[in-house]
PDB file of N, CA and C in Angstrom:
ATOM      1  N   MET A   1      17.386  -1.141  17.937  1.00  0.00           N
ATOM      2  CA  MET A   1      18.104  -0.454  18.974  1.00  0.00           C
ATOM      3  C   MET A   1      17.670   1.009  19.003  1.00  0.00           C
ATOM      4  N   ARG A   2      17.498   1.559  20.149  1.00  0.00           N
ATOM      5  CA  ARG A   2      17.071   2.944  20.265  1.00  0.00           C
ATOM      6  C   ARG A   2      18.272   3.873  20.280  1.00  0.00           C
ATOM      7  N   ASN A   3      18.105   4.990  19.673  1.00  0.00           N
ATOM      8  CA  ASN A   3      19.126   6.014  19.682  1.00  0.00           C
ATOM      9  C   ASN A   3      18.794   6.964  20.828  1.00  0.00           C
ATOM     10  N   GLU A   4      19.496   6.873  21.935  1.00  0.00           N
ATOM     11  CA  GLU A   4      19.175   7.634  23.142  1.00  0.00           C
ATOM     12  C   GLU A   4      19.416   9.121  22.963  1.00  0.00           C
ATOM     13  N   SER A   5      20.312   9.521  22.083  1.00  0.00           N
ATOM     14  CA  SER A   5      20.606  10.942  21.922  1.00  0.00           C
ATOM     15  C   SER A   5      19.477  11.677  21.201  1.00  0.00           C
ATOM     16  N   SER A   6      18.622  10.963  20.471  1.00  0.00           N
ATOM     17  CA  SER A   6      17.535  11.622  19.750  1.00  0.00           C
ATOM     18  C   SER A   6      16.202  11.468  20.461  1.00  0.00           C
ATOM     19  N   GLY A   7      16.222  11.138  21.735  1.00  0.00           N
ATOM     20  CA  GLY A   7      14.987  11.032  22.481  1.00  0.00           C
ATOM     21  C   GLY A   7      14.204   9.772  22.194  1.00  0.00           C
ATOM     22  N   GLY A   8      14.858   8.707  21.749  1.00  0.00           N
ATOM     23  CA  GLY A   8      14.172   7.454  21.515  1.00  0.00           C
ATOM     24  C   GLY A   8      13.646   7.278  20.098  1.00  0.00           C
ATOM     25  N   ARG A   9      13.782   8.297  19.275  1.00  0.00           N
ATOM     26  CA  ARG A   9      13.321   8.181  17.890  1.00  0.00           C
ATOM     27  C   ARG A   9      14.434   7.644  17.016  1.00  0.00           C
ATOM     28  N   THR A  10      14.054   7.009  15.930  1.00  0.00           N
ATOM     29  CA  THR A  10      15.060   6.534  14.992  1.00  0.00           C
ATOM     30  C   THR A  10      15.667   7.731  14.285  1.00  0.00           C
ATOM     31  N   PRO A  11      16.895   7.615  13.777  1.00  0.00           N
ATOM     32  CA  PRO A  11      17.576   8.775  13.197  1.00  0.00           C
ATOM     33  C   PRO A  11      16.824   9.438  12.046  1.00  0.00           C
ATOM     34  N   GLY A  12      16.077   8.687  11.261  1.00  0.00           N
ATOM     35  CA  GLY A  12      15.402   9.273  10.112  1.00  0.00           C
ATOM     36  C   GLY A  12      14.038   9.869  10.405  1.00  0.00           C
ATOM     37  N   SER A  13      13.521   9.691  11.611  1.00  0.00           N
ATOM     38  CA  SER A  13      12.167  10.167  11.905  1.00  0.00           C
ATOM     39  C   SER A  13      12.217  11.520  12.596  1.00  0.00           C
ATOM     40  N   ARG A  14      11.810  12.538  11.874  1.00  0.00           N
ATOM     41  CA  ARG A  14      11.714  13.887  12.421  1.00  0.00           C
ATOM     42  C   ARG A  14      10.275  14.334  12.343  1.00  0.00           C
ATOM     43  N   LYS A  15       9.898  15.216  13.229  1.00  0.00           N
ATOM     44  CA  LYS A  15       8.558  15.775  13.134  1.00  0.00           C
ATOM     45  C   LYS A  15       8.524  16.716  11.944  1.00  0.00           C
ATOM     46  N   ARG A  16       7.489  16.576  11.142  1.00  0.00           N
ATOM     47  CA  ARG A  16       7.340  17.411   9.951  1.00  0.00           C
ATOM     48  C   ARG A  16       5.935  17.989   9.934  1.00  0.00           C
ATOM     49  N   PRO A  17       5.686  19.031  10.727  1.00  0.00           N
ATOM     50  CA  PRO A  17       4.334  19.580  10.820  1.00  0.00           C
ATOM     51  C   PRO A  17       3.829  20.168   9.502  1.00  0.00           C
ATOM     52  N   ALA A  18       4.727  20.525   8.607  1.00  0.00           N
ATOM     53  CA  ALA A  18       4.293  21.084   7.324  1.00  0.00           C
ATOM     54  C   ALA A  18       3.511  20.059   6.505  1.00  0.00           C
ATOM     55  N   LEU A  19       3.720  18.769   6.775  1.00  0.00           N
ATOM     56  CA  LEU A  19       3.004  17.740   6.025  1.00  0.00           C
ATOM     57  C   LEU A  19       1.524  17.699   6.371  1.00  0.00           C
ATOM     58  N   LEU A  20       1.133  18.375   7.435  1.00  0.00           N
ATOM     59  CA  LEU A  20      -0.294  18.451   7.765  1.00  0.00           C
ATOM     60  C   LEU A  20      -1.073  19.184   6.673  1.00  0.00           C
ATOM     61  N   TRP A  21      -0.388  20.021   5.896  1.00  0.00           N
ATOM     62  CA  TRP A  21      -1.062  20.690   4.774  1.00  0.00           C
ATOM     63  C   TRP A  21      -1.594  19.676   3.769  1.00  0.00           C
ATOM     64  N   LEU A  22      -0.980  18.501   3.713  1.00  0.00           N
ATOM     65  CA  LEU A  22      -1.416  17.486   2.756  1.00  0.00           C
ATOM     66  C   LEU A  22      -2.735  16.835   3.157  1.00  0.00           C
ATOM     67  N   LEU A  23      -3.190  17.089   4.368  1.00  0.00           N
ATOM     68  CA  LEU A  23      -4.507  16.604   4.786  1.00  0.00           C
ATOM     69  C   LEU A  23      -5.632  17.492   4.259  1.00  0.00           C
ATOM     70  N   LEU A  24      -5.310  18.708   3.870  1.00  0.00           N
ATOM     71  CA  LEU A  24      -6.337  19.637   3.392  1.00  0.00           C
ATOM     72  C   LEU A  24      -7.129  19.092   2.208  1.00  0.00           C
ATOM     73  N   PRO A  25      -6.502  18.562   1.146  1.00  0.00           N
ATOM     74  CA  PRO A  25      -7.310  18.016   0.043  1.00  0.00           C
ATOM     75  C   PRO A  25      -8.215  16.876   0.484  1.00  0.00           C
ATOM     76  N   TYR A  26      -7.710  16.002   1.349  1.00  0.00           N
ATOM     77  CA  TYR A  26      -8.530  14.898   1.855  1.00  0.00           C
ATOM     78  C   TYR A  26      -9.765  15.431   2.563  1.00  0.00           C
ATOM     79  N   VAL A  27      -9.557  16.403   3.421  1.00  0.00           N
ATOM     80  CA  VAL A  27     -10.673  16.956   4.180  1.00  0.00           C
ATOM     81  C   VAL A  27     -11.661  17.647   3.243  1.00  0.00           C
ATOM     82  N   LEU A  28     -11.148  18.430   2.298  1.00  0.00           N
ATOM     83  CA  LEU A  28     -12.043  19.160   1.389  1.00  0.00           C
ATOM     84  C   LEU A  28     -12.819  18.233   0.462  1.00  0.00           C
ATOM     85  N   PHE A  29     -12.177  17.166  -0.025  1.00  0.00           N
ATOM     86  CA  PHE A  29     -12.845  16.286  -0.975  1.00  0.00           C
ATOM     87  C   PHE A  29     -13.730  15.240  -0.304  1.00  0.00           C
ATOM     88  N   LEU A  30     -13.282  14.658   0.797  1.00  0.00           N
ATOM     89  CA  LEU A  30     -14.000  13.516   1.350  1.00  0.00           C
ATOM     90  C   LEU A  30     -14.705  13.782   2.674  1.00  0.00           C
ATOM     91  N   ALA A  31     -14.015  14.378   3.603  1.00  0.00           N
ATOM     92  CA  ALA A  31     -14.567  14.483   4.951  1.00  0.00           C
ATOM     93  C   ALA A  31     -15.800  15.383   5.021  1.00  0.00           C
ATOM     94  N   VAL A  32     -15.813  16.468   4.272  1.00  0.00           N
ATOM     95  CA  VAL A  32     -16.956  17.384   4.343  1.00  0.00           C
ATOM     96  C   VAL A  32     -17.954  17.169   3.207  1.00  0.00           C
ATOM     97  N   LEU A  33     -17.731  16.167   2.388  1.00  0.00           N
ATOM     98  CA  LEU A  33     -18.624  15.921   1.264  1.00  0.00           C
ATOM     99  C   LEU A  33     -20.085  15.736   1.674  1.00  0.00           C
ATOM    100  N   PRO A  34     -20.393  15.008   2.732  1.00  0.00           N
ATOM    101  CA  PRO A  34     -21.813  14.896   3.118  1.00  0.00           C
ATOM    102  C   PRO A  34     -22.434  16.243   3.503  1.00  0.00           C
ATOM    103  N   LEU A  35     -21.621  17.173   3.949  1.00  0.00           N
ATOM    104  CA  LEU A  35     -22.140  18.478   4.349  1.00  0.00           C
ATOM    105  C   LEU A  35     -22.410  19.403   3.164  1.00  0.00           C
ATOM    106  N   VAL A  36     -21.659  19.221   2.080  1.00  0.00           N
ATOM    107  CA  VAL A  36     -21.790  20.126   0.934  1.00  0.00           C
ATOM    108  C   VAL A  36     -22.550  19.502  -0.224  1.00  0.00           C
ATOM    109  N   ASN A  37     -23.044  18.289  -0.082  1.00  0.00           N
ATOM    110  CA  ASN A  37     -23.755  17.607  -1.154  1.00  0.00           C
ATOM    111  C   ASN A  37     -25.169  18.166  -1.281  1.00  0.00           C
ATOM    112  N   ARG A  38     -25.249  19.300  -1.957  1.00  0.00           N
ATOM    113  CA  ARG A  38     -26.538  19.955  -2.176  1.00  0.00           C
ATOM    114  C   ARG A  38     -26.469  20.769  -3.461  1.00  0.00           C
ATOM    115  N   VAL A  39     -27.608  21.061  -4.020  1.00  0.00           N
ATOM    116  CA  VAL A  39     -27.672  21.838  -5.258  1.00  0.00           C
ATOM    117  C   VAL A  39     -27.789  23.323  -4.939  1.00  0.00           C
ATOM    118  N   THR A  40     -28.590  23.643  -3.942  1.00  0.00           N
ATOM    119  CA  THR A  40     -28.749  25.051  -3.580  1.00  0.00           C
ATOM    120  C   THR A  40     -27.923  25.333  -2.338  1.00  0.00           C
ATOM    121  N   PRO A  41     -27.370  26.450  -2.152  1.00  0.00           N
ATOM    122  CA  PRO A  41     -27.453  27.641  -2.985  1.00  0.00           C
ATOM    123  C   PRO A  41     -26.542  27.526  -4.209  1.00  0.00           C
ATOM    124  N   THR A  42     -26.793  28.343  -5.182  1.00  0.00           N
ATOM    125  CA  THR A  42     -25.912  28.391  -6.344  1.00  0.00           C
ATOM    126  C   THR A  42     -24.886  29.497  -6.111  1.00  0.00           C
ATOM    127  N   VAL A  43     -23.662  29.229  -6.503  1.00  0.00           N
ATOM    128  CA  VAL A  43     -22.569  30.195  -6.360  1.00  0.00           C
ATOM    129  C   VAL A  43     -22.007  30.437  -7.745  1.00  0.00           C
ATOM    130  N   MET A  44     -22.054  31.671  -8.186  1.00  0.00           N
ATOM    131  CA  MET A  44     -21.594  32.045  -9.526  1.00  0.00           C
ATOM    132  C   MET A  44     -22.280  31.198 -10.596  1.00  0.00           C
ATOM    133  N   GLY A  45     -23.532  30.876 -10.401  1.00  0.00           N
ATOM    134  CA  GLY A  45     -24.308  30.111 -11.361  1.00  0.00           C
ATOM    135  C   GLY A  45     -24.062  28.611 -11.318  1.00  0.00           C
ATOM    136  N   LEU A  46     -23.223  28.150 -10.407  1.00  0.00           N
ATOM    137  CA  LEU A  46     -22.917  26.725 -10.286  1.00  0.00           C
ATOM    138  C   LEU A  46     -23.641  26.146  -9.082  1.00  0.00           C
ATOM    139  N   PRO A  47     -24.079  24.896  -9.168  1.00  0.00           N
ATOM    140  CA  PRO A  47     -24.595  24.239  -7.964  1.00  0.00           C
ATOM    141  C   PRO A  47     -23.495  24.197  -6.896  1.00  0.00           C
ATOM    142  N   PHE A  48     -23.903  24.219  -5.640  1.00  0.00           N
ATOM    143  CA  PHE A  48     -22.937  24.344  -4.557  1.00  0.00           C
ATOM    144  C   PHE A  48     -21.906  23.219  -4.559  1.00  0.00           C
ATOM    145  N   LEU A  49     -22.324  21.986  -4.846  1.00  0.00           N
ATOM    146  CA  LEU A  49     -21.387  20.862  -4.853  1.00  0.00           C
ATOM    147  C   LEU A  49     -20.308  21.041  -5.918  1.00  0.00           C
ATOM    148  N   ILE A  50     -20.704  21.484  -7.102  1.00  0.00           N
ATOM    149  CA  ILE A  50     -19.724  21.696  -8.173  1.00  0.00           C
ATOM    150  C   ILE A  50     -18.763  22.820  -7.789  1.00  0.00           C
ATOM    151  N   PHE A  51     -19.282  23.895  -7.209  1.00  0.00           N
ATOM    152  CA  PHE A  51     -18.430  24.988  -6.752  1.00  0.00           C
ATOM    153  C   PHE A  51     -17.448  24.494  -5.694  1.00  0.00           C
ATOM    154  N   TRP A  52     -17.912  23.658  -4.762  1.00  0.00           N
ATOM    155  CA  TRP A  52     -17.047  23.134  -3.711  1.00  0.00           C
ATOM    156  C   TRP A  52     -15.928  22.267  -4.296  1.00  0.00           C
ATOM    157  N   MET A  53     -16.256  21.411  -5.257  1.00  0.00           N
ATOM    158  CA  MET A  53     -15.242  20.566  -5.887  1.00  0.00           C
ATOM    159  C   MET A  53     -14.214  21.416  -6.646  1.00  0.00           C
ATOM    160  N   LEU A  54     -14.676  22.477  -7.298  1.00  0.00           N
ATOM    161  CA  LEU A  54     -13.753  23.388  -7.979  1.00  0.00           C
ATOM    162  C   LEU A  54     -12.837  24.065  -6.973  1.00  0.00           C
ATOM    163  N   LEU A  55     -13.391  24.513  -5.871  1.00  0.00           N
ATOM    164  CA  LEU A  55     -12.593  25.148  -4.823  1.00  0.00           C
ATOM    165  C   LEU A  55     -11.564  24.172  -4.246  1.00  0.00           C
ATOM    166  N   ALA A  56     -11.970  22.941  -3.986  1.00  0.00           N
ATOM    167  CA  ALA A  56     -11.054  21.939  -3.443  1.00  0.00           C
ATOM    168  C   ALA A  56      -9.951  21.595  -4.446  1.00  0.00           C
ATOM    169  N   THR A  57     -10.296  21.540  -5.729  1.00  0.00           N
ATOM    170  CA  THR A  57      -9.308  21.243  -6.763  1.00  0.00           C
ATOM    171  C   THR A  57      -8.269  22.352  -6.852  1.00  0.00           C
ATOM    172  N   LEU A  58      -8.701  23.597  -6.722  1.00  0.00           N
ATOM    173  CA  LEU A  58      -7.761  24.716  -6.769  1.00  0.00           C
ATOM    174  C   LEU A  58      -6.932  24.817  -5.491  1.00  0.00           C
ATOM    175  N   ALA A  59      -7.444  24.341  -4.372  1.00  0.00           N
ATOM    176  CA  ALA A  59      -6.709  24.397  -3.105  1.00  0.00           C
ATOM    177  C   ALA A  59      -5.665  23.291  -2.988  1.00  0.00           C
ATOM    178  N   THR A  60      -5.790  22.221  -3.762  1.00  0.00           N
ATOM    179  CA  THR A  60      -4.864  21.101  -3.653  1.00  0.00           C
ATOM    180  C   THR A  60      -3.425  21.482  -4.017  1.00  0.00           C
ATOM    181  N   PRO A  61      -3.160  22.130  -5.162  1.00  0.00           N
ATOM    182  CA  PRO A  61      -1.764  22.519  -5.438  1.00  0.00           C
ATOM    183  C   PRO A  61      -1.221  23.510  -4.405  1.00  0.00           C
ATOM    184  N   LEU A  62      -2.080  24.346  -3.871  1.00  0.00           N
ATOM    185  CA  LEU A  62      -1.653  25.287  -2.844  1.00  0.00           C
ATOM    186  C   LEU A  62      -1.190  24.545  -1.590  1.00  0.00           C
ATOM    187  N   SER A  63      -1.915  23.528  -1.183  1.00  0.00           N
ATOM    188  CA  SER A  63      -1.528  22.781   0.013  1.00  0.00           C
ATOM    189  C   SER A  63      -0.234  21.993  -0.222  1.00  0.00           C
ATOM    190  N   VAL A  64      -0.048  21.460  -1.419  1.00  0.00           N
ATOM    191  CA  VAL A  64       1.196  20.748  -1.726  1.00  0.00           C
ATOM    192  C   VAL A  64       2.368  21.722  -1.715  1.00  0.00           C
ATOM    193  N   TRP A  65       2.171  22.916  -2.255  1.00  0.00           N
ATOM    194  CA  TRP A  65       3.222  23.932  -2.257  1.00  0.00           C
ATOM    195  C   TRP A  65       3.580  24.360  -0.832  1.00  0.00           C
ATOM    196  N   LEU A  66       2.575  24.508   0.027  1.00  0.00           N
ATOM    197  CA  LEU A  66       2.840  24.892   1.406  1.00  0.00           C
ATOM    198  C   LEU A  66       3.601  23.797   2.157  1.00  0.00           C
ATOM    199  N   ALA A  67       3.285  22.540   1.893  1.00  0.00           N
ATOM    200  CA  ALA A  67       4.012  21.437   2.522  1.00  0.00           C
ATOM    201  C   ALA A  67       5.459  21.402   2.033  1.00  0.00           C
ATOM    202  N   ARG A  68       5.665  21.614   0.754  1.00  0.00           N
ATOM    203  CA  ARG A  68       7.024  21.618   0.204  1.00  0.00           C
ATOM    204  C   ARG A  68       7.827  22.791   0.755  1.00  0.00           C
ATOM    205  N   ARG A  69       7.189  23.948   0.848  1.00  0.00           N
ATOM    206  CA  ARG A  69       7.864  25.132   1.380  1.00  0.00           C
ATOM    207  C   ARG A  69       8.291  24.903   2.830  1.00  0.00           C
ATOM    208  N   GLY A  70       7.427  24.241   3.601  1.00  0.00           N
ATOM    209  CA  GLY A  70       7.783  23.933   4.979  1.00  0.00           C
ATOM    210  C   GLY A  70       8.971  22.997   5.068  1.00  0.00           C
ATOM    211  N   ASP A  71       9.032  22.003   4.183  1.00  0.00           N
ATOM    212  CA  ASP A  71      10.179  21.094   4.170  1.00  0.00           C
ATOM    213  C   ASP A  71      11.448  21.810   3.741  1.00  0.00           C
ATOM    214  N   LEU A  72      11.348  22.681   2.768  1.00  0.00           N
ATOM    215  CA  LEU A  72      12.533  23.410   2.322  1.00  0.00           C
ATOM    216  C   LEU A  72      13.070  24.322   3.416  1.00  0.00           C
ATOM    217  N   ARG A  73      12.185  24.929   4.185  1.00  0.00           N
ATOM    218  CA  ARG A  73      12.636  25.792   5.279  1.00  0.00           C
ATOM    219  C   ARG A  73      13.351  24.997   6.363  1.00  0.00           C
ATOM    220  N   ARG A  74      12.976  23.746   6.531  1.00  0.00           N
ATOM    221  CA  ARG A  74      13.642  22.892   7.525  1.00  0.00           C
ATOM    222  C   ARG A  74      14.884  22.211   6.945  1.00  0.00           C
ATOM    223  N   GLY A  75      15.140  22.422   5.654  1.00  0.00           N
ATOM    224  CA  GLY A  75      16.304  21.806   5.033  1.00  0.00           C
ATOM    225  C   GLY A  75      16.122  20.352   4.679  1.00  0.00           C
ATOM    226  N   LEU A  76      14.858  19.940   4.445  1.00  0.00           N
ATOM    227  CA  LEU A  76      14.577  18.536   4.144  1.00  0.00           C
ATOM    228  C   LEU A  76      14.346  18.272   2.667  1.00  0.00           C
ATOM    229  N   GLY A  77      14.320  19.298   1.843  1.00  0.00           N
ATOM    230  CA  GLY A  77      14.026  19.093   0.430  1.00  0.00           C
ATOM    231  C   GLY A  77      15.230  19.413  -0.433  1.00  0.00           C
ATOM    232  N   GLU A  78      14.992  19.361  -1.732  1.00  0.00           N
ATOM    233  CA  GLU A  78      16.052  19.697  -2.667  1.00  0.00           C
ATOM    234  C   GLU A  78      16.238  21.194  -2.686  1.00  0.00           C
ATOM    235  N   GLU A  79      17.456  21.610  -2.817  1.00  0.00           N
ATOM    236  CA  GLU A  79      17.753  23.038  -2.888  1.00  0.00           C
ATOM    237  C   GLU A  79      17.854  23.469  -4.347  1.00  0.00           C
ATOM    238  N   GLY A  80      17.264  24.616  -4.643  1.00  0.00           N
ATOM    239  CA  GLY A  80      17.415  25.210  -5.963  1.00  0.00           C
ATOM    240  C   GLY A  80      16.524  24.655  -7.045  1.00  0.00           C
ATOM    241  N   SER A  81      15.496  23.900  -6.710  1.00  0.00           N
ATOM    242  CA  SER A  81      14.626  23.406  -7.774  1.00  0.00           C
ATOM    243  C   SER A  81      13.244  23.941  -7.632  1.00  0.00           C
TER     244      SER A  81
END
């Protein structure tokens, strides 16, 4: 049954644009991998692919934190933790 007061969406389905931050690790690790799979140039003495994987690994907790922060601002997460 459709809930007409919510525009046809089910009561539990809300738009959560902050969850788009969770696509960042996927894009950094998999989608652009064919583009960065090279040894040269070297960055800080590391082959470019290794540097890219290090950068993507460090960006993953940041993207999860940004998604959580967005949910907390909308009142969808736990308070005080």
